Amino acid sequence: MKVEFTLDVLKPHSPDSYLVAQGLMTLEGVSRVRIKVEELDQKTASLQIHIEGNNLSLEDITEKLASLNCAVHSLDEVICEEFD
């Protein structure tokens, strides 16, 4: 099953968004990661992370983000699509 998640995430300035995307790409089933910076302040960045792939585990994604010092504020969108 193809799955897409859109997450609202808060992270410190380090690691940068590119390293977060690379970390998420290492997860099983992930085929695409898109990160958009929504807001930036002195110490943190609010991100919108869109992640796509096959049979993704939201638990694995949130654990990977936590290991990168990122906090998931909310799961804003879920799309599931079954292949024929």
C-alpha atoms as a PDB file:
ATOM      1  CA  MET A   1       0.000   0.000   0.000  1.00  0.00           C
ATOM      2  CA  LYS A   2       1.290   3.459  -0.891  1.00  0.00           C
ATOM      3  CA  VAL A   3       1.208   5.782   2.123  1.00  0.00           C
ATOM      4  CA  GLU A   4       1.785   9.533   2.469  1.00  0.00           C
ATOM      5  CA  PHE A   5       2.056  11.437   5.746  1.00  0.00           C
ATOM      6  CA  THR A   6       2.217  15.181   6.309  1.00  0.00           C
ATOM      7  CA  LEU A   7       3.652  16.078   9.711  1.00  0.00           C
ATOM      8  CA  ASP A   8       4.027  19.347  11.614  1.00  0.00           C
ATOM      9  CA  VAL A   9       7.466  19.116  13.236  1.00  0.00           C
ATOM     10  CA  LEU A  10       9.558  21.379  15.476  1.00  0.00           C
ATOM     11  CA  LYS A  11      13.339  21.057  15.321  1.00  0.00           C
ATOM     12  CA  PRO A  12      16.377  22.962  16.582  1.00  0.00           C
ATOM     13  CA  HIS A  13      18.543  24.699  13.981  1.00  0.00           C
ATOM     14  CA  SER A  14      20.877  21.714  14.028  1.00  0.00           C
ATOM     15  CA  PRO A  15      20.601  19.301  12.313  1.00  0.00           C
ATOM     16  CA  ASP A  16      19.606  21.154   9.183  1.00  0.00           C
ATOM     17  CA  SER A  17      16.596  20.118   7.098  1.00  0.00           C
ATOM     18  CA  TYR A  18      18.739  18.300   4.558  1.00  0.00           C
ATOM     19  CA  LEU A  19      20.134  15.982   7.245  1.00  0.00           C
ATOM     20  CA  VAL A  20      16.612  15.340   8.556  1.00  0.00           C
ATOM     21  CA  ALA A  21      15.479  14.415   5.030  1.00  0.00           C
ATOM     22  CA  GLN A  22      18.484  12.117   4.588  1.00  0.00           C
ATOM     23  CA  GLY A  23      17.722  10.429   7.899  1.00  0.00           C
ATOM     24  CA  LEU A  24      14.109   9.818   6.919  1.00  0.00           C
ATOM     25  CA  MET A  25      15.188   8.390   3.546  1.00  0.00           C
ATOM     26  CA  THR A  26      17.035   5.607   5.385  1.00  0.00           C
ATOM     27  CA  LEU A  27      13.748   4.186   6.707  1.00  0.00           C
ATOM     28  CA  GLU A  28      12.350   1.066   5.084  1.00  0.00           C
ATOM     29  CA  GLY A  29       9.813   1.811   2.349  1.00  0.00           C
ATOM     30  CA  VAL A  30      10.464   5.562   2.081  1.00  0.00           C
ATOM     31  CA  SER A  31      10.662   6.764  -1.508  1.00  0.00           C
ATOM     32  CA  ARG A  32      10.291  10.542  -1.156  1.00  0.00           C
ATOM     33  CA  VAL A  33      10.695  13.212   1.524  1.00  0.00           C
ATOM     34  CA  ARG A  34       9.757  16.883   1.124  1.00  0.00           C
ATOM     35  CA  ILE A  35      10.493  19.396   3.893  1.00  0.00           C
ATOM     36  CA  LYS A  36       9.178  22.941   3.931  1.00  0.00           C
ATOM     37  CA  VAL A  37      10.226  25.469   6.582  1.00  0.00           C
ATOM     38  CA  GLU A  38       7.047  27.116   7.824  1.00  0.00           C
ATOM     39  CA  GLU A  39       8.542  29.355  10.508  1.00  0.00           C
ATOM     40  CA  LEU A  40      12.019  30.134  11.782  1.00  0.00           C
ATOM     41  CA  ASP A  41      12.939  31.745  15.092  1.00  0.00           C
ATOM     42  CA  GLN A  42      16.172  32.184  17.035  1.00  0.00           C
ATOM     43  CA  LYS A  43      16.414  28.599  18.292  1.00  0.00           C
ATOM     44  CA  THR A  44      13.947  26.441  16.347  1.00  0.00           C
ATOM     45  CA  ALA A  45      12.327  25.842  12.991  1.00  0.00           C
ATOM     46  CA  SER A  46       8.761  24.706  12.360  1.00  0.00           C
ATOM     47  CA  LEU A  47       8.663  22.280   9.467  1.00  0.00           C
ATOM     48  CA  GLN A  48       6.041  20.659   7.311  1.00  0.00           C
ATOM     49  CA  ILE A  49       7.347  17.217   6.391  1.00  0.00           C
ATOM     50  CA  HIS A  50       5.697  15.200   3.640  1.00  0.00           C
ATOM     51  CA  ILE A  51       6.903  11.607   3.437  1.00  0.00           C
ATOM     52  CA  GLU A  52       5.836   9.000   0.872  1.00  0.00           C
ATOM     53  CA  GLY A  53       6.477   5.320   0.370  1.00  0.00           C
ATOM     54  CA  ASN A  54       5.217   1.760   0.586  1.00  0.00           C
ATOM     55  CA  ASN A  55       3.913   0.318   3.863  1.00  0.00           C
ATOM     56  CA  LEU A  56       5.371   3.132   5.959  1.00  0.00           C
ATOM     57  CA  SER A  57       5.399   2.905   9.738  1.00  0.00           C
ATOM     58  CA  LEU A  58       4.403   6.120  11.493  1.00  0.00           C
ATOM     59  CA  GLU A  59       6.076   4.779  14.637  1.00  0.00           C
ATOM     60  CA  ASP A  60       9.398   4.325  12.796  1.00  0.00           C
ATOM     61  CA  ILE A  61       9.108   7.837  11.358  1.00  0.00           C
ATOM     62  CA  THR A  62       8.447   9.471  14.734  1.00  0.00           C
ATOM     63  CA  GLU A  63      11.277   7.479  16.348  1.00  0.00           C
ATOM     64  CA  LYS A  64      13.700   8.576  13.615  1.00  0.00           C
ATOM     65  CA  LEU A  65      12.623  12.209  14.033  1.00  0.00           C
ATOM     66  CA  ALA A  66      13.061  11.967  17.818  1.00  0.00           C
ATOM     67  CA  SER A  67      16.588  10.596  17.282  1.00  0.00           C
ATOM     68  CA  LEU A  68      17.272  13.753  15.238  1.00  0.00           C
ATOM     69  CA  ASN A  69      16.022  16.002  18.107  1.00  0.00           C
ATOM     70  CA  CYS A  70      12.768  16.756  16.274  1.00  0.00           C
ATOM     71  CA  ALA A  71       9.346  16.810  17.940  1.00  0.00           C
ATOM     72  CA  VAL A  72       6.206  15.877  16.022  1.00  0.00           C
ATOM     73  CA  HIS A  73       3.452  18.360  16.878  1.00  0.00           C
ATOM     74  CA  SER A  74       0.738  16.812  14.737  1.00  0.00           C
ATOM     75  CA  LEU A  75      -0.115  14.437  11.937  1.00  0.00           C
ATOM     76  CA  ASP A  76      -1.854  16.788   9.521  1.00  0.00           C
ATOM     77  CA  GLU A  77      -2.633  14.486   6.609  1.00  0.00           C
ATOM     78  CA  VAL A  78      -2.675  10.776   5.787  1.00  0.00           C
ATOM     79  CA  ILE A  79      -3.202   9.330   2.319  1.00  0.00           C
ATOM     80  CA  CYS A  80      -3.369   5.585   1.727  1.00  0.00           C
ATOM     81  CA  GLU A  81      -3.617   4.113  -1.748  1.00  0.00           C
ATOM     82  CA  GLU A  82      -3.930   0.456  -2.651  1.00  0.00           C
ATOM     83  CA  PHE A  83      -2.198  -0.774  -5.781  1.00  0.00           C
ATOM     84  CA  ASP A  84      -4.010  -3.041  -8.251  1.00  0.00           C
END
